Amino acid sequence: MILVFKHIFPKPYVGLTLWPVIFVKEDVLKQDQVLINHEKIHLRQQLELLIIPFYLIYLTEWLIGIVKYGNAYTAYKNISFEREAYKNEQNTGYLKSRSPWSFMYYYGISNKV
């Protein structure tokens, strides 16, 4: 389910996935295949981790990233879940061929985005 909710997005964010809903900032974004694919990757990640652990790991990685990089946005871009989603968002067939727990490949990669 995709819902439009303008008031929860600080710049530069336009999409957010909270199981089982994808929120987008504007109605036109519902048609953005790359954005929706990115958010669907997060839905799969959340399901694999039984939802609550996903959010705990996500928050932990983000907080560690803030300390490591000294910047909240850089920390966000280096979360393993985000790395997987950004790397594969252009591939609309990715979820059909994706192996379970694929985000683990992106965990601990030391390249700063």
PDB file of N, CA and C in Angstrom:
ATOM      1  N   MET A   1       0.844  -1.170   0.000  1.00  0.00           N
ATOM      2  CA  MET A   1       0.000   0.000   0.000  1.00  0.00           C
ATOM      3  C   MET A   1       0.894   1.240   0.000  1.00  0.00           C
ATOM      4  N   ILE A   2       0.570   2.187  -0.830  1.00  0.00           N
ATOM      5  CA  ILE A   2       1.332   3.436  -0.927  1.00  0.00           C
ATOM      6  C   ILE A   2       0.419   4.590  -0.531  1.00  0.00           C
ATOM      7  N   LEU A   3       0.854   5.366   0.443  1.00  0.00           N
ATOM      8  CA  LEU A   3       0.096   6.519   0.916  1.00  0.00           C
ATOM      9  C   LEU A   3       0.906   7.796   0.768  1.00  0.00           C
ATOM     10  N   VAL A   4       0.232   8.897   0.532  1.00  0.00           N
ATOM     11  CA  VAL A   4       0.879  10.204   0.450  1.00  0.00           C
ATOM     12  C   VAL A   4       0.736  10.871   1.812  1.00  0.00           C
ATOM     13  N   PHE A   5       1.878  11.299   2.350  1.00  0.00           N
ATOM     14  CA  PHE A   5       1.878  11.979   3.641  1.00  0.00           C
ATOM     15  C   PHE A   5       3.008  13.004   3.613  1.00  0.00           C
ATOM     16  N   LYS A   6       2.676  14.242   3.342  1.00  0.00           N
ATOM     17  CA  LYS A   6       3.660  15.294   3.097  1.00  0.00           C
ATOM     18  C   LYS A   6       4.430  15.751   4.333  1.00  0.00           C
ATOM     19  N   HIS A   7       3.885  15.543   5.493  1.00  0.00           N
ATOM     20  CA  HIS A   7       4.391  16.228   6.688  1.00  0.00           C
ATOM     21  C   HIS A   7       5.469  15.480   7.463  1.00  0.00           C
ATOM     22  N   ILE A   8       5.902  14.309   7.013  1.00  0.00           N
ATOM     23  CA  ILE A   8       6.902  13.575   7.785  1.00  0.00           C
ATOM     24  C   ILE A   8       8.290  13.584   7.150  1.00  0.00           C
ATOM     25  N   PHE A   9       8.452  14.300   6.052  1.00  0.00           N
ATOM     26  CA  PHE A   9       9.692  14.207   5.299  1.00  0.00           C
ATOM     27  C   PHE A   9      10.564  15.451   5.408  1.00  0.00           C
ATOM     28  N   PRO A  10      11.679  15.332   6.122  1.00  0.00           N
ATOM     29  CA  PRO A  10      12.652  16.427   6.050  1.00  0.00           C
ATOM     30  C   PRO A  10      13.405  16.325   4.721  1.00  0.00           C
ATOM     31  N   LYS A  11      13.959  17.422   4.260  1.00  0.00           N
ATOM     32  CA  LYS A  11      14.760  17.395   3.036  1.00  0.00           C
ATOM     33  C   LYS A  11      15.956  16.504   3.277  1.00  0.00           C
ATOM     34  N   PRO A  12      16.428  15.740   2.356  1.00  0.00           N
ATOM     35  CA  PRO A  12      16.037  15.547   0.970  1.00  0.00           C
ATOM     36  C   PRO A  12      15.158  14.307   0.766  1.00  0.00           C
ATOM     37  N   TYR A  13      14.550  13.789   1.821  1.00  0.00           N
ATOM     38  CA  TYR A  13      13.819  12.518   1.751  1.00  0.00           C
ATOM     39  C   TYR A  13      12.438  12.678   1.124  1.00  0.00           C
ATOM     40  N   VAL A  14      12.033  11.674   0.338  1.00  0.00           N
ATOM     41  CA  VAL A  14      10.725  11.718  -0.319  1.00  0.00           C
ATOM     42  C   VAL A  14       9.931  10.427  -0.124  1.00  0.00           C
ATOM     43  N   GLY A  15      10.543   9.408   0.474  1.00  0.00           N
ATOM     44  CA  GLY A  15       9.866   8.144   0.688  1.00  0.00           C
ATOM     45  C   GLY A  15      10.273   7.516   2.007  1.00  0.00           C
ATOM     46  N   LEU A  16       9.374   6.724   2.559  1.00  0.00           N
ATOM     47  CA  LEU A  16       9.617   6.059   3.841  1.00  0.00           C
ATOM     48  C   LEU A  16       8.770   4.796   3.877  1.00  0.00           C
ATOM     49  N   THR A  17       9.337   3.719   4.352  1.00  0.00           N
ATOM     50  CA  THR A  17       8.605   2.467   4.457  1.00  0.00           C
ATOM     51  C   THR A  17       8.502   2.061   5.915  1.00  0.00           C
ATOM     52  N   LEU A  18       7.291   1.946   6.378  1.00  0.00           N
ATOM     53  CA  LEU A  18       6.986   1.415   7.705  1.00  0.00           C
ATOM     54  C   LEU A  18       6.033   0.257   7.482  1.00  0.00           C
ATOM     55  N   TRP A  19       6.529  -0.940   7.665  1.00  0.00           N
ATOM     56  CA  TRP A  19       5.769  -2.148   7.344  1.00  0.00           C
ATOM     57  C   TRP A  19       4.320  -2.004   7.741  1.00  0.00           C
ATOM     58  N   PRO A  20       3.393  -2.250   6.877  1.00  0.00           N
ATOM     59  CA  PRO A  20       3.460  -2.688   5.484  1.00  0.00           C
ATOM     60  C   PRO A  20       3.167  -1.555   4.503  1.00  0.00           C
ATOM     61  N   VAL A  21       3.433  -0.318   4.906  1.00  0.00           N
ATOM     62  CA  VAL A  21       3.030   0.843   4.110  1.00  0.00           C
ATOM     63  C   VAL A  21       4.252   1.597   3.593  1.00  0.00           C
ATOM     64  N   ILE A  22       4.173   2.024   2.342  1.00  0.00           N
ATOM     65  CA  ILE A  22       5.147   2.937   1.759  1.00  0.00           C
ATOM     66  C   ILE A  22       4.515   4.320   1.781  1.00  0.00           C
ATOM     67  N   PHE A  23       5.201   5.272   2.395  1.00  0.00           N
ATOM     68  CA  PHE A  23       4.743   6.664   2.418  1.00  0.00           C
ATOM     69  C   PHE A  23       5.591   7.457   1.431  1.00  0.00           C
ATOM     70  N   VAL A  24       4.953   8.299   0.648  1.00  0.00           N
ATOM     71  CA  VAL A  24       5.661   9.191  -0.261  1.00  0.00           C
ATOM     72  C   VAL A  24       5.233  10.621   0.014  1.00  0.00           C
ATOM     73  N   LYS A  25       6.098  11.556  -0.331  1.00  0.00           N
ATOM     74  CA  LYS A  25       5.861  12.962  -0.031  1.00  0.00           C
ATOM     75  C   LYS A  25       4.793  13.590  -0.919  1.00  0.00           C
ATOM     76  N   GLU A  26       4.712  13.161  -2.176  1.00  0.00           N
ATOM     77  CA  GLU A  26       3.760  13.753  -3.130  1.00  0.00           C
ATOM     78  C   GLU A  26       3.102  12.648  -3.941  1.00  0.00           C
ATOM     79  N   ASP A  27       1.888  12.890  -4.383  1.00  0.00           N
ATOM     80  CA  ASP A  27       1.117  11.908  -5.139  1.00  0.00           C
ATOM     81  C   ASP A  27       1.850  11.435  -6.392  1.00  0.00           C
ATOM     82  N   VAL A  28       2.531  12.328  -7.080  1.00  0.00           N
ATOM     83  CA  VAL A  28       3.234  11.985  -8.320  1.00  0.00           C
ATOM     84  C   VAL A  28       4.317  10.929  -8.065  1.00  0.00           C
ATOM     85  N   LEU A  29       4.846  10.863  -6.858  1.00  0.00           N
ATOM     86  CA  LEU A  29       5.905   9.906  -6.539  1.00  0.00           C
ATOM     87  C   LEU A  29       5.411   8.459  -6.515  1.00  0.00           C
ATOM     88  N   LYS A  30       4.110   8.276  -6.445  1.00  0.00           N
ATOM     89  CA  LYS A  30       3.557   6.917  -6.513  1.00  0.00           C
ATOM     90  C   LYS A  30       3.892   6.255  -7.840  1.00  0.00           C
ATOM     91  N   GLN A  31       4.171   7.056  -8.864  1.00  0.00           N
ATOM     92  CA  GLN A  31       4.482   6.552 -10.200  1.00  0.00           C
ATOM     93  C   GLN A  31       5.985   6.418 -10.443  1.00  0.00           C
ATOM     94  N   ASP A  32       6.804   6.819  -9.480  1.00  0.00           N
ATOM     95  CA  ASP A  32       8.261   6.757  -9.622  1.00  0.00           C
ATOM     96  C   ASP A  32       8.725   5.322  -9.366  1.00  0.00           C
ATOM     97  N   GLN A  33       8.961   4.576 -10.432  1.00  0.00           N
ATOM     98  CA  GLN A  33       9.302   3.158 -10.315  1.00  0.00           C
ATOM     99  C   GLN A  33      10.583   2.911  -9.536  1.00  0.00           C
ATOM    100  N   VAL A  34      11.557   3.792  -9.677  1.00  0.00           N
ATOM    101  CA  VAL A  34      12.821   3.620  -8.967  1.00  0.00           C
ATOM    102  C   VAL A  34      12.604   3.809  -7.461  1.00  0.00           C
ATOM    103  N   LEU A  35      11.910   4.869  -7.094  1.00  0.00           N
ATOM    104  CA  LEU A  35      11.625   5.116  -5.678  1.00  0.00           C
ATOM    105  C   LEU A  35      10.808   3.979  -5.078  1.00  0.00           C
ATOM    106  N   ILE A  36       9.764   3.553  -5.766  1.00  0.00           N
ATOM    107  CA  ILE A  36       8.908   2.494  -5.239  1.00  0.00           C
ATOM    108  C   ILE A  36       9.679   1.186  -5.139  1.00  0.00           C
ATOM    109  N   ASN A  37      10.543   0.896  -6.096  1.00  0.00           N
ATOM    110  CA  ASN A  37      11.375  -0.305  -6.018  1.00  0.00           C
ATOM    111  C   ASN A  37      12.305  -0.232  -4.812  1.00  0.00           C
ATOM    112  N   HIS A  38      12.900   0.929  -4.583  1.00  0.00           N
ATOM    113  CA  HIS A  38      13.769   1.144  -3.420  1.00  0.00           C
ATOM    114  C   HIS A  38      12.998   0.823  -2.138  1.00  0.00           C
ATOM    115  N   GLU A  39      11.795   1.352  -2.033  1.00  0.00           N
ATOM    116  CA  GLU A  39      10.999   1.146  -0.826  1.00  0.00           C
ATOM    117  C   GLU A  39      10.519  -0.299  -0.706  1.00  0.00           C
ATOM    118  N   LYS A  40      10.253  -0.967  -1.825  1.00  0.00           N
ATOM    119  CA  LYS A  40       9.855  -2.377  -1.781  1.00  0.00           C
ATOM    120  C   LYS A  40      11.013  -3.264  -1.315  1.00  0.00           C
ATOM    121  N   ILE A  41      12.227  -2.872  -1.647  1.00  0.00           N
ATOM    122  CA  ILE A  41      13.400  -3.590  -1.135  1.00  0.00           C
ATOM    123  C   ILE A  41      13.398  -3.504   0.387  1.00  0.00           C
ATOM    124  N   HIS A  42      13.076  -2.327   0.927  1.00  0.00           N
ATOM    125  CA  HIS A  42      12.989  -2.181   2.387  1.00  0.00           C
ATOM    126  C   HIS A  42      11.874  -3.045   2.970  1.00  0.00           C
ATOM    127  N   LEU A  43      10.755  -3.163   2.273  1.00  0.00           N
ATOM    128  CA  LEU A  43       9.684  -4.041   2.757  1.00  0.00           C
ATOM    129  C   LEU A  43      10.191  -5.482   2.886  1.00  0.00           C
ATOM    130  N   ARG A  44      10.943  -5.943   1.903  1.00  0.00           N
ATOM    131  CA  ARG A  44      11.481  -7.301   1.944  1.00  0.00           C
ATOM    132  C   ARG A  44      12.474  -7.450   3.100  1.00  0.00           C
ATOM    133  N   GLN A  45      13.328  -6.456   3.286  1.00  0.00           N
ATOM    134  CA  GLN A  45      14.287  -6.494   4.383  1.00  0.00           C
ATOM    135  C   GLN A  45      13.556  -6.560   5.723  1.00  0.00           C
ATOM    136  N   GLN A  46      12.527  -5.743   5.866  1.00  0.00           N
ATOM    137  CA  GLN A  46      11.768  -5.704   7.109  1.00  0.00           C
ATOM    138  C   GLN A  46      11.109  -7.050   7.381  1.00  0.00           C
ATOM    139  N   LEU A  47      10.550  -7.654   6.358  1.00  0.00           N
ATOM    140  CA  LEU A  47       9.908  -8.947   6.513  1.00  0.00           C
ATOM    141  C   LEU A  47      10.917 -10.017   6.916  1.00  0.00           C
ATOM    142  N   GLU A  48      12.080 -10.009   6.293  1.00  0.00           N
ATOM    143  CA  GLU A  48      13.119 -10.991   6.624  1.00  0.00           C
ATOM    144  C   GLU A  48      13.525 -10.912   8.090  1.00  0.00           C
ATOM    145  N   LEU A  49      13.554  -9.717   8.611  1.00  0.00           N
ATOM    146  CA  LEU A  49      13.986  -9.528  10.006  1.00  0.00           C
ATOM    147  C   LEU A  49      12.811  -9.461  10.982  1.00  0.00           C
ATOM    148  N   LEU A  50      11.634  -9.823  10.518  1.00  0.00           N
ATOM    149  CA  LEU A  50      10.441  -9.832  11.371  1.00  0.00           C
ATOM    150  C   LEU A  50      10.122  -8.445  11.921  1.00  0.00           C
ATOM    151  N   ILE A  51      10.367  -7.447  11.154  1.00  0.00           N
ATOM    152  CA  ILE A  51       9.986  -6.047  11.290  1.00  0.00           C
ATOM    153  C   ILE A  51      10.713  -5.301  12.410  1.00  0.00           C
ATOM    154  N   ILE A  52      10.423  -5.581  13.671  1.00  0.00           N
ATOM    155  CA  ILE A  52      11.016  -4.809  14.780  1.00  0.00           C
ATOM    156  C   ILE A  52      12.544  -4.878  14.779  1.00  0.00           C
ATOM    157  N   PRO A  53      13.160  -6.050  14.635  1.00  0.00           N
ATOM    158  CA  PRO A  53      14.630  -6.076  14.587  1.00  0.00           C
ATOM    159  C   PRO A  53      15.210  -5.230  13.456  1.00  0.00           C
ATOM    160  N   PHE A  54      14.490  -5.140  12.329  1.00  0.00           N
ATOM    161  CA  PHE A  54      14.953  -4.280  11.234  1.00  0.00           C
ATOM    162  C   PHE A  54      15.153  -2.854  11.739  1.00  0.00           C
ATOM    163  N   TYR A  55      14.148  -2.330  12.420  1.00  0.00           N
ATOM    164  CA  TYR A  55      14.225  -0.941  12.891  1.00  0.00           C
ATOM    165  C   TYR A  55      15.316  -0.756  13.944  1.00  0.00           C
ATOM    166  N   LEU A  56      15.510  -1.746  14.792  1.00  0.00           N
ATOM    167  CA  LEU A  56      16.558  -1.658  15.814  1.00  0.00           C
ATOM    168  C   LEU A  56      17.946  -1.657  15.170  1.00  0.00           C
ATOM    169  N   ILE A  57      18.146  -2.532  14.205  1.00  0.00           N
ATOM    170  CA  ILE A  57      19.431  -2.580  13.509  1.00  0.00           C
ATOM    171  C   ILE A  57      19.643  -1.305  12.697  1.00  0.00           C
ATOM    172  N   TYR A  58      18.600  -0.855  12.012  1.00  0.00           N
ATOM    173  CA  TYR A  58      18.669   0.364  11.213  1.00  0.00           C
ATOM    174  C   TYR A  58      19.104   1.543  12.082  1.00  0.00           C
ATOM    175  N   LEU A  59      18.428   1.718  13.202  1.00  0.00           N
ATOM    176  CA  LEU A  59      18.743   2.827  14.110  1.00  0.00           C
ATOM    177  C   LEU A  59      20.153   2.699  14.672  1.00  0.00           C
ATOM    178  N   THR A  60      20.548   1.495  15.037  1.00  0.00           N
ATOM    179  CA  THR A  60      21.894   1.275  15.578  1.00  0.00           C
ATOM    180  C   THR A  60      22.959   1.611  14.543  1.00  0.00           C
ATOM    181  N   GLU A  61      22.781   1.136  13.315  1.00  0.00           N
ATOM    182  CA  GLU A  61      23.751   1.446  12.261  1.00  0.00           C
ATOM    183  C   GLU A  61      23.819   2.948  12.001  1.00  0.00           C
ATOM    184  N   TRP A  62      22.666   3.606  12.024  1.00  0.00           N
ATOM    185  CA  TRP A  62      22.637   5.051  11.785  1.00  0.00           C
ATOM    186  C   TRP A  62      23.370   5.799  12.887  1.00  0.00           C
ATOM    187  N   LEU A  63      23.114   5.442  14.141  1.00  0.00           N
ATOM    188  CA  LEU A  63      23.784   6.121  15.267  1.00  0.00           C
ATOM    189  C   LEU A  63      25.291   5.886  15.247  1.00  0.00           C
ATOM    190  N   ILE A  64      25.698   4.665  14.959  1.00  0.00           N
ATOM    191  CA  ILE A  64      27.136   4.380  14.840  1.00  0.00           C
ATOM    192  C   ILE A  64      27.730   5.194  13.688  1.00  0.00           C
ATOM    193  N   GLY A  65      26.992   5.301  12.596  1.00  0.00           N
ATOM    194  CA  GLY A  65      27.451   6.079  11.443  1.00  0.00           C
ATOM    195  C   GLY A  65      27.614   7.554  11.755  1.00  0.00           C
ATOM    196  N   ILE A  66      26.722   8.097  12.563  1.00  0.00           N
ATOM    197  CA  ILE A  66      26.846   9.510  12.952  1.00  0.00           C
ATOM    198  C   ILE A  66      28.154   9.729  13.697  1.00  0.00           C
ATOM    199  N   VAL A  67      28.476   8.820  14.602  1.00  0.00           N
ATOM    200  CA  VAL A  67      29.736   8.925  15.337  1.00  0.00           C
ATOM    201  C   VAL A  67      30.918   8.730  14.384  1.00  0.00           C
ATOM    202  N   LYS A  68      30.823   7.725  13.514  1.00  0.00           N
ATOM    203  CA  LYS A  68      31.913   7.391  12.595  1.00  0.00           C
ATOM    204  C   LYS A  68      32.174   8.485  11.566  1.00  0.00           C
ATOM    205  N   TYR A  69      31.094   9.014  10.957  1.00  0.00           N
ATOM    206  CA  TYR A  69      31.243   9.962   9.858  1.00  0.00           C
ATOM    207  C   TYR A  69      31.030  11.417  10.270  1.00  0.00           C
ATOM    208  N   GLY A  70      30.414  11.633  11.430  1.00  0.00           N
ATOM    209  CA  GLY A  70      30.163  12.998  11.883  1.00  0.00           C
ATOM    210  C   GLY A  70      29.089  13.722  11.091  1.00  0.00           C
ATOM    211  N   ASN A  71      28.242  12.947  10.384  1.00  0.00           N
ATOM    212  CA  ASN A  71      27.218  13.546   9.539  1.00  0.00           C
ATOM    213  C   ASN A  71      26.039  12.585   9.443  1.00  0.00           C
ATOM    214  N   ALA A  72      24.828  13.064   9.733  1.00  0.00           N
ATOM    215  CA  ALA A  72      23.641  12.209   9.757  1.00  0.00           C
ATOM    216  C   ALA A  72      23.289  11.667   8.372  1.00  0.00           C
ATOM    217  N   TYR A  73      23.425  12.496   7.339  1.00  0.00           N
ATOM    218  CA  TYR A  73      23.070  12.037   6.001  1.00  0.00           C
ATOM    219  C   TYR A  73      24.065  10.992   5.489  1.00  0.00           C
ATOM    220  N   THR A  74      25.338  11.194   5.734  1.00  0.00           N
ATOM    221  CA  THR A  74      26.339  10.205   5.346  1.00  0.00           C
ATOM    222  C   THR A  74      26.118   8.912   6.120  1.00  0.00           C
ATOM    223  N   ALA A  75      25.764   9.032   7.387  1.00  0.00           N
ATOM    224  CA  ALA A  75      25.455   7.846   8.194  1.00  0.00           C
ATOM    225  C   ALA A  75      24.281   7.085   7.593  1.00  0.00           C
ATOM    226  N   TYR A  76      23.240   7.803   7.194  1.00  0.00           N
ATOM    227  CA  TYR A  76      22.062   7.201   6.561  1.00  0.00           C
ATOM    228  C   TYR A  76      22.444   6.459   5.285  1.00  0.00           C
ATOM    229  N   LYS A  77      23.246   7.078   4.430  1.00  0.00           N
ATOM    230  CA  LYS A  77      23.626   6.478   3.154  1.00  0.00           C
ATOM    231  C   LYS A  77      24.500   5.230   3.343  1.00  0.00           C
ATOM    232  N   ASN A  78      25.101   5.071   4.525  1.00  0.00           N
ATOM    233  CA  ASN A  78      25.974   3.934   4.791  1.00  0.00           C
ATOM    234  C   ASN A  78      25.314   2.831   5.602  1.00  0.00           C
ATOM    235  N   ILE A  79      24.034   2.934   5.884  1.00  0.00           N
ATOM    236  CA  ILE A  79      23.305   1.850   6.533  1.00  0.00           C
ATOM    237  C   ILE A  79      23.218   0.693   5.534  1.00  0.00           C
ATOM    238  N   SER A  80      23.483  -0.521   5.987  1.00  0.00           N
ATOM    239  CA  SER A  80      23.509  -1.667   5.070  1.00  0.00           C
ATOM    240  C   SER A  80      22.214  -1.809   4.273  1.00  0.00           C
ATOM    241  N   PHE A  81      21.073  -1.566   4.894  1.00  0.00           N
ATOM    242  CA  PHE A  81      19.790  -1.673   4.205  1.00  0.00           C
ATOM    243  C   PHE A  81      19.677  -0.631   3.081  1.00  0.00           C
ATOM    244  N   GLU A  82      20.177   0.560   3.355  1.00  0.00           N
ATOM    245  CA  GLU A  82      20.143   1.620   2.342  1.00  0.00           C
ATOM    246  C   GLU A  82      21.116   1.331   1.213  1.00  0.00           C
ATOM    247  N   ARG A  83      22.277   0.802   1.550  1.00  0.00           N
ATOM    248  CA  ARG A  83      23.257   0.461   0.519  1.00  0.00           C
ATOM    249  C   ARG A  83      22.656  -0.519  -0.482  1.00  0.00           C
ATOM    250  N   GLU A  84      22.003  -1.562   0.045  1.00  0.00           N
ATOM    251  CA  GLU A  84      21.383  -2.539  -0.849  1.00  0.00           C
ATOM    252  C   GLU A  84      20.294  -1.886  -1.697  1.00  0.00           C
ATOM    253  N   ALA A  85      19.436  -1.108  -1.058  1.00  0.00           N
ATOM    254  CA  ALA A  85      18.317  -0.492  -1.782  1.00  0.00           C
ATOM    255  C   ALA A  85      18.805   0.487  -2.848  1.00  0.00           C
ATOM    256  N   TYR A  86      19.760   1.345  -2.515  1.00  0.00           N
ATOM    257  CA  TYR A  86      20.265   2.298  -3.505  1.00  0.00           C
ATOM    258  C   TYR A  86      20.988   1.582  -4.653  1.00  0.00           C
ATOM    259  N   LYS A  87      21.761   0.575  -4.337  1.00  0.00           N
ATOM    260  CA  LYS A  87      22.515  -0.131  -5.386  1.00  0.00           C
ATOM    261  C   LYS A  87      21.588  -0.823  -6.378  1.00  0.00           C
ATOM    262  N   ASN A  88      20.414  -1.265  -5.916  1.00  0.00           N
ATOM    263  CA  ASN A  88      19.538  -2.081  -6.752  1.00  0.00           C
ATOM    264  C   ASN A  88      18.220  -1.428  -7.131  1.00  0.00           C
ATOM    265  N   GLU A  89      18.025  -0.167  -6.773  1.00  0.00           N
ATOM    266  CA  GLU A  89      16.741   0.485  -7.018  1.00  0.00           C
ATOM    267  C   GLU A  89      16.406   0.631  -8.506  1.00  0.00           C
ATOM    268  N   GLN A  90      17.392   0.729  -9.348  1.00  0.00           N
ATOM    269  CA  GLN A  90      17.165   0.868 -10.795  1.00  0.00           C
ATOM    270  C   GLN A  90      16.729  -0.450 -11.438  1.00  0.00           C
ATOM    271  N   ASN A  91      17.032  -1.564 -10.791  1.00  0.00           N
ATOM    272  CA  ASN A  91      16.722  -2.888 -11.315  1.00  0.00           C
ATOM    273  C   ASN A  91      15.349  -3.319 -10.806  1.00  0.00           C
ATOM    274  N   THR A  92      14.319  -3.063 -11.594  1.00  0.00           N
ATOM    275  CA  THR A  92      12.959  -3.368 -11.140  1.00  0.00           C
ATOM    276  C   THR A  92      12.688  -4.865 -11.023  1.00  0.00           C
ATOM    277  N   GLY A  93      13.567  -5.701 -11.548  1.00  0.00           N
ATOM    278  CA  GLY A  93      13.434  -7.145 -11.395  1.00  0.00           C
ATOM    279  C   GLY A  93      14.245  -7.699 -10.239  1.00  0.00           C
ATOM    280  N   TYR A  94      14.899  -6.829  -9.493  1.00  0.00           N
ATOM    281  CA  TYR A  94      15.804  -7.256  -8.421  1.00  0.00           C
ATOM    282  C   TYR A  94      15.124  -8.159  -7.397  1.00  0.00           C
ATOM    283  N   LEU A  95      13.950  -7.810  -6.960  1.00  0.00           N
ATOM    284  CA  LEU A  95      13.300  -8.592  -5.907  1.00  0.00           C
ATOM    285  C   LEU A  95      12.936 -10.007  -6.356  1.00  0.00           C
ATOM    286  N   LYS A  96      12.805 -10.210  -7.646  1.00  0.00           N
ATOM    287  CA  LYS A  96      12.507 -11.551  -8.158  1.00  0.00           C
ATOM    288  C   LYS A  96      13.720 -12.474  -8.061  1.00  0.00           C
ATOM    289  N   SER A  97      14.917 -11.898  -8.185  1.00  0.00           N
ATOM    290  CA  SER A  97      16.138 -12.706  -8.159  1.00  0.00           C
ATOM    291  C   SER A  97      16.932 -12.558  -6.854  1.00  0.00           C
ATOM    292  N   ARG A  98      16.499 -11.684  -5.992  1.00  0.00           N
ATOM    293  CA  ARG A  98      17.222 -11.396  -4.749  1.00  0.00           C
ATOM    294  C   ARG A  98      17.220 -12.605  -3.820  1.00  0.00           C
ATOM    295  N   SER A  99      18.386 -12.918  -3.283  1.00  0.00           N
ATOM    296  CA  SER A  99      18.499 -13.969  -2.281  1.00  0.00           C
ATOM    297  C   SER A  99      18.107 -13.421  -0.918  1.00  0.00           C
ATOM    298  N   PRO A 100      17.531 -14.264  -0.065  1.00  0.00           N
ATOM    299  CA  PRO A 100      17.205 -13.807   1.287  1.00  0.00           C
ATOM    300  C   PRO A 100      18.458 -13.286   2.005  1.00  0.00           C
ATOM    301  N   TRP A 101      18.264 -12.300   2.814  1.00  0.00           N
ATOM    302  CA  TRP A 101      19.316 -11.698   3.648  1.00  0.00           C
ATOM    303  C   TRP A 101      20.423 -11.041   2.814  1.00  0.00           C
ATOM    304  N   SER A 102      20.101 -10.593   1.619  1.00  0.00           N
ATOM    305  CA  SER A 102      21.111  -9.980   0.749  1.00  0.00           C
ATOM    306  C   SER A 102      21.720  -8.714   1.342  1.00  0.00           C
ATOM    307  N   PHE A 103      20.995  -8.052   2.221  1.00  0.00           N
ATOM    308  CA  PHE A 103      21.537  -6.838   2.841  1.00  0.00           C
ATOM    309  C   PHE A 103      22.814  -7.127   3.615  1.00  0.00           C
ATOM    310  N   MET A 104      23.014  -8.389   4.044  1.00  0.00           N
ATOM    311  CA  MET A 104      24.210  -8.733   4.816  1.00  0.00           C
ATOM    312  C   MET A 104      25.486  -8.491   4.013  1.00  0.00           C
ATOM    313  N   TYR A 105      25.398  -8.597   2.701  1.00  0.00           N
ATOM    314  CA  TYR A 105      26.558  -8.312   1.856  1.00  0.00           C
ATOM    315  C   TYR A 105      27.031  -6.871   2.053  1.00  0.00           C
ATOM    316  N   TYR A 106      26.112  -5.982   2.338  1.00  0.00           N
ATOM    317  CA  TYR A 106      26.420  -4.552   2.452  1.00  0.00           C
ATOM    318  C   TYR A 106      26.770  -4.142   3.868  1.00  0.00           C
ATOM    319  N   TYR A 107      26.633  -5.037   4.808  1.00  0.00           N
ATOM    320  CA  TYR A 107      26.931  -4.727   6.199  1.00  0.00           C
ATOM    321  C   TYR A 107      28.423  -4.662   6.400  1.00  0.00           C
ATOM    322  N   GLY A 108      28.867  -3.600   6.991  1.00  0.00           N
ATOM    323  CA  GLY A 108      30.268  -3.478   7.331  1.00  0.00           C
ATOM    324  C   GLY A 108      31.177  -3.073   6.187  1.00  0.00           C
ATOM    325  N   ILE A 109      30.618  -2.781   5.018  1.00  0.00           N
ATOM    326  CA  ILE A 109      31.450  -2.296   3.919  1.00  0.00           C
ATOM    327  C   ILE A 109      31.983  -0.941   4.352  1.00  0.00           C
ATOM    328  N   SER A 110      33.263  -0.786   4.276  1.00  0.00           N
ATOM    329  CA  SER A 110      33.870   0.414   4.845  1.00  0.00           C
ATOM    330  C   SER A 110      33.940   1.596   3.899  1.00  0.00           C
ATOM    331  N   ASN A 111      33.497   1.442   2.668  1.00  0.00           N
ATOM    332  CA  ASN A 111      33.540   2.565   1.744  1.00  0.00           C
ATOM    333  C   ASN A 111      32.514   3.614   2.133  1.00  0.00           C
ATOM    334  N   LYS A 112      32.967   4.784   2.466  1.00  0.00           N
ATOM    335  CA  LYS A 112      32.074   5.891   2.811  1.00  0.00           C
ATOM    336  C   LYS A 112      31.367   6.383   1.557  1.00  0.00           C
ATOM    337  N   VAL A 113      30.038   6.446   1.617  1.00  0.00           N
ATOM    338  CA  VAL A 113      29.248   6.920   0.467  1.00  0.00           C
ATOM    339  C   VAL A 113      29.174   8.423   0.514  1.00  0.00           C
TER     340      VAL A 113
END
